[in-house]
Amino acid sequence: MKKIFILLVIIAVSENINAQSLIGGNHILKTNLSADALQNYNITFEKSLNHFMSISASYSTMPSRTLPLQSLAKNFIDNPNINFDNFKISNSAFTLESRFYLGLQKMSGIYIAPYARFGNLEVNVPVNYQYTYTPTAPNGTPLSPLSVATTANLKGPIRSQSVGAYFGMQFQLLTKLVLDFWVIGGHYGSSNGKLQFDAPAGTPAVALDELKKVVDQTKAHPFNLSSSIVNNSDGTKSLVTNTDGPWLGIRGAGLTLGLRF
């Protein structure tokens, strides 16, 4: 009888340990459902350091898509020759974060989270422009002047580095599931980019001159733009536009679901 009692005690303690193991765990793997719904796919790994602090790393990526919120973008990018309907962007970002929890349970409750973010925004900017040139016949005789209306696509990355903070609430659901709600926050930093249009072989020199004039008309406060025409090793030419300026972002209203282990 005594042996049976001891065996029951061992089983009960074992079940209690297993239950705590299911609920506990020092790691959480999660994704932001709100961002996923907007095709900004992401994954975050969070590791507990103690009952009040954790660190995490996250990666997000968004495939190429047309520019959202075009009316807002036009308030910051002023150039009637830019075709915003075909303006495309893609994005990736790597974020390092630490969290300070105000609750008594590990990785649970209200938290404050400072973070650093490194972003890479790929843009494809279609610019409409016109030029007039005088072609020549094979024997060198000048022909009638031609007026050409065409579009150049300036492509390239805009890289950003920023720091910020936000606060939110994280809760344990069921045994392994975790719900994380980002309330509000933001980040600020700097950015620099290089957009380039490679002119096809045989493009008249006047074409790039006119394109540069159109691009130089762009007002994108508070960003600075500078364009130049460069000669390539294969004999062709390119228009290169460099950008730099501040970088601001808002982080919040995000609903994240995670698996704790």
Protein backbone atom coordinates (compact mmCIF):
# COMPACT_ATOMS: atom_id res chain seq x y z
CA MET A 1 0.00 0.00 0.00
CA LYS A 2 2.84 2.31 0.91
CA LYS A 3 4.54 1.63 -2.43
CA ILE A 4 1.33 2.42 -4.29
CA PHE A 5 1.00 5.72 -2.41
CA ILE A 6 4.59 6.69 -3.23
CA LEU A 7 4.00 5.83 -6.88
CA LEU A 8 0.89 8.05 -6.99
CA VAL A 9 2.84 10.94 -5.47
CA ILE A 10 5.60 10.56 -8.08
CA ILE A 11 3.03 10.54 -10.90
CA ALA A 12 1.28 13.62 -9.50
CA VAL A 13 4.56 15.56 -9.20
CA SER A 14 5.56 14.48 -12.71
CA GLU A 15 2.25 15.68 -14.17
CA ASN A 16 2.64 19.02 -12.38
CA ILE A 17 6.15 19.48 -13.80
CA ASN A 18 4.92 18.64 -17.30
CA ALA A 19 2.07 21.14 -16.98
CA GLN A 20 4.48 23.87 -15.89
CA SER A 21 6.76 22.99 -18.80
CA LEU A 22 3.87 23.37 -21.22
CA ILE A 23 2.91 26.79 -19.86
CA GLY A 24 6.46 28.03 -19.29
CA GLY A 25 9.45 28.24 -21.59
CA ASN A 26 12.12 30.85 -22.19
CA HIS A 27 11.52 31.31 -25.93
CA ILE A 28 8.70 32.57 -28.14
CA LEU A 29 8.46 32.32 -31.92
CA LYS A 30 5.77 34.63 -33.32
CA THR A 31 4.43 36.55 -36.29
CA ASN A 32 2.50 39.79 -36.58
CA LEU A 33 -0.91 38.90 -38.03
CA SER A 34 -1.75 42.54 -38.80
CA ALA A 35 1.36 42.92 -40.96
CA ASP A 36 0.85 39.50 -42.58
CA ALA A 37 -2.58 40.64 -43.73
CA LEU A 38 -0.87 43.54 -45.56
CA GLN A 39 1.63 41.15 -47.21
CA ASN A 40 4.42 42.33 -44.92
CA TYR A 41 5.50 38.87 -43.79
CA ASN A 42 7.53 38.63 -40.61
CA ILE A 43 8.96 36.33 -37.95
CA THR A 44 10.23 37.19 -34.45
CA PHE A 45 12.25 35.17 -31.95
CA GLU A 46 12.10 36.33 -28.33
CA LYS A 47 14.28 34.99 -25.52
CA SER A 48 13.75 35.62 -21.81
CA LEU A 49 16.74 36.78 -19.76
CA ASN A 50 14.90 36.95 -16.44
CA HIS A 51 11.38 37.60 -15.12
CA PHE A 52 11.48 41.25 -16.21
CA MET A 53 13.58 41.41 -19.37
CA SER A 54 13.89 39.74 -22.77
CA ILE A 55 15.68 40.27 -26.07
CA SER A 56 14.41 39.53 -29.56
CA ALA A 57 15.32 39.62 -33.22
CA SER A 58 12.85 39.89 -36.08
CA TYR A 59 12.91 39.89 -39.87
CA SER A 60 10.20 41.17 -42.19
CA THR A 61 9.83 41.21 -45.94
CA MET A 62 7.25 42.61 -48.33
CA PRO A 63 7.18 41.54 -52.01
CA SER A 64 7.03 44.13 -54.77
CA ARG A 65 3.71 45.95 -54.94
CA THR A 66 2.24 49.23 -56.14
CA LEU A 67 2.71 52.19 -53.87
CA PRO A 68 0.06 52.29 -51.11
CA LEU A 69 -1.47 55.58 -49.92
CA GLN A 70 -0.64 57.36 -53.17
CA SER A 71 -2.43 60.57 -52.20
CA LEU A 72 -0.24 60.83 -49.09
CA ALA A 73 2.91 60.07 -51.07
CA LYS A 74 2.11 62.90 -53.50
CA ASN A 75 2.23 65.34 -50.57
CA PHE A 76 5.89 64.43 -50.00
CA ILE A 77 7.01 63.74 -53.59
CA ASP A 78 6.10 66.66 -55.85
CA ASN A 79 6.71 65.98 -59.53
CA PRO A 80 3.86 65.72 -62.07
CA ASN A 81 6.04 63.58 -64.34
CA ILE A 82 6.18 60.68 -61.88
CA ASN A 83 3.66 57.95 -62.68
CA PHE A 84 2.40 57.05 -59.20
CA ASP A 85 0.04 54.41 -60.58
CA ASN A 86 3.04 52.29 -61.62
CA PHE A 87 5.32 53.30 -58.74
CA LYS A 88 6.41 50.03 -57.06
CA ILE A 89 8.11 49.24 -53.78
CA SER A 90 9.35 46.21 -51.86
CA ASN A 91 10.81 46.15 -48.39
CA SER A 92 12.81 44.14 -45.90
CA ALA A 93 13.87 45.00 -42.35
CA PHE A 94 15.87 43.51 -39.49
CA THR A 95 14.99 44.61 -35.95
CA LEU A 96 16.82 44.09 -32.65
CA GLU A 97 14.73 44.70 -29.55
CA SER A 98 14.83 44.49 -25.77
CA ARG A 99 11.75 44.38 -23.56
CA PHE A 100 11.19 45.40 -19.97
CA TYR A 101 8.08 43.78 -18.51
CA LEU A 102 6.17 45.46 -15.69
CA GLY A 103 4.29 42.31 -14.67
CA LEU A 104 5.29 39.54 -12.31
CA GLN A 105 5.30 36.70 -14.84
CA LYS A 106 8.08 35.99 -17.31
CA MET A 107 7.46 37.54 -20.77
CA SER A 108 3.92 38.50 -19.79
CA GLY A 109 2.05 41.74 -19.05
CA ILE A 110 2.66 45.36 -20.03
CA TYR A 111 6.10 46.09 -21.45
CA ILE A 112 8.26 48.90 -22.80
CA ALA A 113 10.49 47.98 -25.75
CA PRO A 114 13.39 50.05 -27.14
CA TYR A 115 14.61 48.80 -30.51
CA ALA A 116 16.94 49.39 -33.46
CA ARG A 117 15.80 48.79 -37.03
CA PHE A 118 17.75 48.40 -40.26
CA GLY A 119 15.59 48.68 -43.36
CA ASN A 120 16.04 48.21 -47.09
CA LEU A 121 13.39 49.72 -49.35
CA GLU A 122 13.59 48.81 -53.04
CA VAL A 123 11.83 51.31 -55.30
CA ASN A 124 10.93 51.41 -58.99
CA VAL A 125 9.99 54.96 -59.97
CA PRO A 126 8.57 55.51 -63.50
CA VAL A 127 9.32 59.02 -64.78
CA ASN A 128 7.72 60.37 -67.97
CA TYR A 129 9.81 62.71 -70.10
CA GLN A 130 10.19 64.03 -73.65
CA TYR A 131 13.08 64.94 -75.87
CA THR A 132 13.71 65.99 -79.44
CA TYR A 133 16.68 64.87 -81.49
CA THR A 134 17.78 64.84 -85.11
CA PRO A 135 18.55 61.36 -86.44
CA THR A 136 20.99 60.80 -89.27
CA ALA A 137 20.85 58.56 -92.31
CA PRO A 138 23.48 55.81 -92.82
CA ASN A 139 25.41 58.19 -95.09
CA GLY A 140 25.46 60.84 -92.36
CA THR A 141 22.76 63.09 -93.80
CA PRO A 142 20.59 64.74 -91.08
CA LEU A 143 16.94 63.72 -91.15
CA SER A 144 13.87 65.50 -89.85
CA PRO A 145 13.84 66.16 -86.09
CA LEU A 146 11.90 63.61 -84.01
CA SER A 147 10.00 64.26 -80.80
CA VAL A 148 9.96 61.28 -78.43
CA ALA A 149 7.77 60.78 -75.35
CA THR A 150 8.88 57.87 -73.17
CA THR A 151 9.29 56.60 -69.61
CA ALA A 152 12.42 55.86 -67.62
CA ASN A 153 12.32 53.57 -64.57
CA LEU A 154 14.67 54.64 -61.80
CA LYS A 155 15.41 51.59 -59.66
CA GLY A 156 17.43 51.00 -56.54
CA PRO A 157 17.57 50.67 -52.75
CA ILE A 158 16.96 53.19 -50.00
CA ARG A 159 18.60 51.98 -46.79
CA SER A 160 17.65 53.25 -43.35
CA GLN A 161 18.93 52.96 -39.79
CA SER A 162 16.70 54.07 -36.94
CA VAL A 163 16.07 53.64 -33.22
CA GLY A 164 12.85 53.93 -31.27
CA ALA A 165 10.59 52.48 -28.61
CA TYR A 166 7.01 51.33 -28.15
CA PHE A 167 4.86 49.73 -25.51
CA GLY A 168 2.39 46.88 -25.59
CA MET A 169 0.88 43.93 -23.71
CA GLN A 170 1.65 40.23 -23.99
CA PHE A 171 -0.55 37.45 -22.62
CA GLN A 172 -0.37 33.69 -22.29
CA LEU A 173 -3.15 31.86 -24.15
CA LEU A 174 -4.02 28.20 -23.53
CA THR A 175 -0.80 26.26 -22.94
CA LYS A 176 1.65 27.20 -25.67
CA LEU A 177 0.03 30.16 -27.44
CA VAL A 178 1.00 33.77 -26.72
CA LEU A 179 -0.89 36.91 -27.77
CA ASP A 180 1.16 40.08 -28.16
CA PHE A 181 -0.52 43.44 -28.75
CA TRP A 182 1.62 46.37 -29.88
CA VAL A 183 -0.10 49.54 -28.68
CA ILE A 184 1.90 52.51 -30.03
CA GLY A 185 5.45 53.71 -30.61
CA GLY A 186 7.82 54.84 -33.31
CA HIS A 187 11.37 55.24 -34.53
CA TYR A 188 13.58 57.92 -36.03
CA GLY A 189 16.87 57.79 -37.91
CA SER A 190 18.54 58.46 -41.24
CA SER A 191 18.41 57.10 -44.78
CA ASN A 192 20.40 57.11 -47.99
CA GLY A 193 19.68 55.66 -51.40
CA LYS A 194 20.83 55.26 -54.98
CA LEU A 195 18.35 55.09 -57.86
CA GLN A 196 19.58 54.39 -61.36
CA PHE A 197 18.30 54.33 -64.91
CA ASP A 198 20.50 52.53 -67.43
CA ALA A 199 19.94 53.97 -70.90
CA PRO A 200 19.90 51.42 -73.75
CA ALA A 201 22.74 51.49 -76.23
CA GLY A 202 22.16 54.10 -78.91
CA THR A 203 20.15 56.44 -76.69
CA PRO A 204 20.79 60.05 -77.77
CA ALA A 205 22.74 62.14 -75.28
CA VAL A 206 19.96 64.71 -75.26
CA ALA A 207 17.56 62.09 -73.88
CA LEU A 208 19.47 61.72 -70.61
CA ASP A 209 19.93 65.49 -70.41
CA GLU A 210 16.17 66.01 -70.60
CA LEU A 211 15.53 63.18 -68.13
CA LYS A 212 17.94 64.75 -65.66
CA LYS A 213 16.11 68.09 -65.94
CA VAL A 214 12.80 66.36 -65.15
CA VAL A 215 14.23 64.44 -62.17
CA ASP A 216 15.91 67.60 -60.83
CA GLN A 217 12.46 69.22 -60.63
CA THR A 218 11.41 66.74 -57.94
CA LYS A 219 10.73 68.18 -54.52
CA ALA A 220 10.76 65.54 -51.81
CA HIS A 221 11.17 67.51 -48.57
CA PRO A 222 12.81 66.66 -46.18
CA PHE A 223 14.87 64.40 -48.48
CA ASN A 224 17.76 65.68 -50.59
CA LEU A 225 18.13 64.51 -54.21
CA SER A 226 21.14 64.91 -56.49
CA SER A 227 21.40 63.49 -60.01
CA SER A 228 24.28 62.94 -62.38
CA ILE A 229 24.96 61.25 -65.71
CA VAL A 230 27.71 58.62 -65.56
CA ASN A 231 29.57 56.74 -68.28
CA ASN A 232 29.57 52.94 -68.04
CA SER A 233 32.42 50.64 -69.01
CA ASP A 234 30.40 49.19 -71.91
CA GLY A 235 29.99 52.60 -73.55
CA THR A 236 26.42 53.22 -72.37
CA LYS A 237 25.31 55.93 -69.95
CA SER A 238 23.18 55.96 -66.81
CA LEU A 239 21.32 58.54 -64.78
CA VAL A 240 22.11 58.12 -61.07
CA THR A 241 20.07 59.85 -58.38
CA ASN A 242 21.38 59.82 -54.81
CA THR A 243 19.05 60.45 -51.88
CA ASP A 244 19.55 61.17 -48.20
CA GLY A 245 17.39 62.41 -45.37
CA PRO A 246 15.69 61.54 -42.09
CA TRP A 247 13.67 58.35 -41.58
CA LEU A 248 10.53 58.22 -39.46
CA GLY A 249 8.20 55.34 -38.73
CA ILE A 250 5.21 54.50 -36.53
CA ARG A 251 4.90 51.13 -34.85
CA GLY A 252 1.65 50.10 -33.25
CA ALA A 253 -1.82 48.57 -33.51
CA GLY A 254 -0.21 45.21 -34.23
CA LEU A 255 -1.61 41.84 -33.19
CA THR A 256 1.00 39.09 -32.88
CA LEU A 257 0.47 35.39 -32.25
CA GLY A 258 3.30 33.24 -30.94
CA LEU A 259 4.34 29.77 -29.83
CA ARG A 260 6.14 29.51 -26.49
CA PHE A 261 8.66 26.76 -25.83
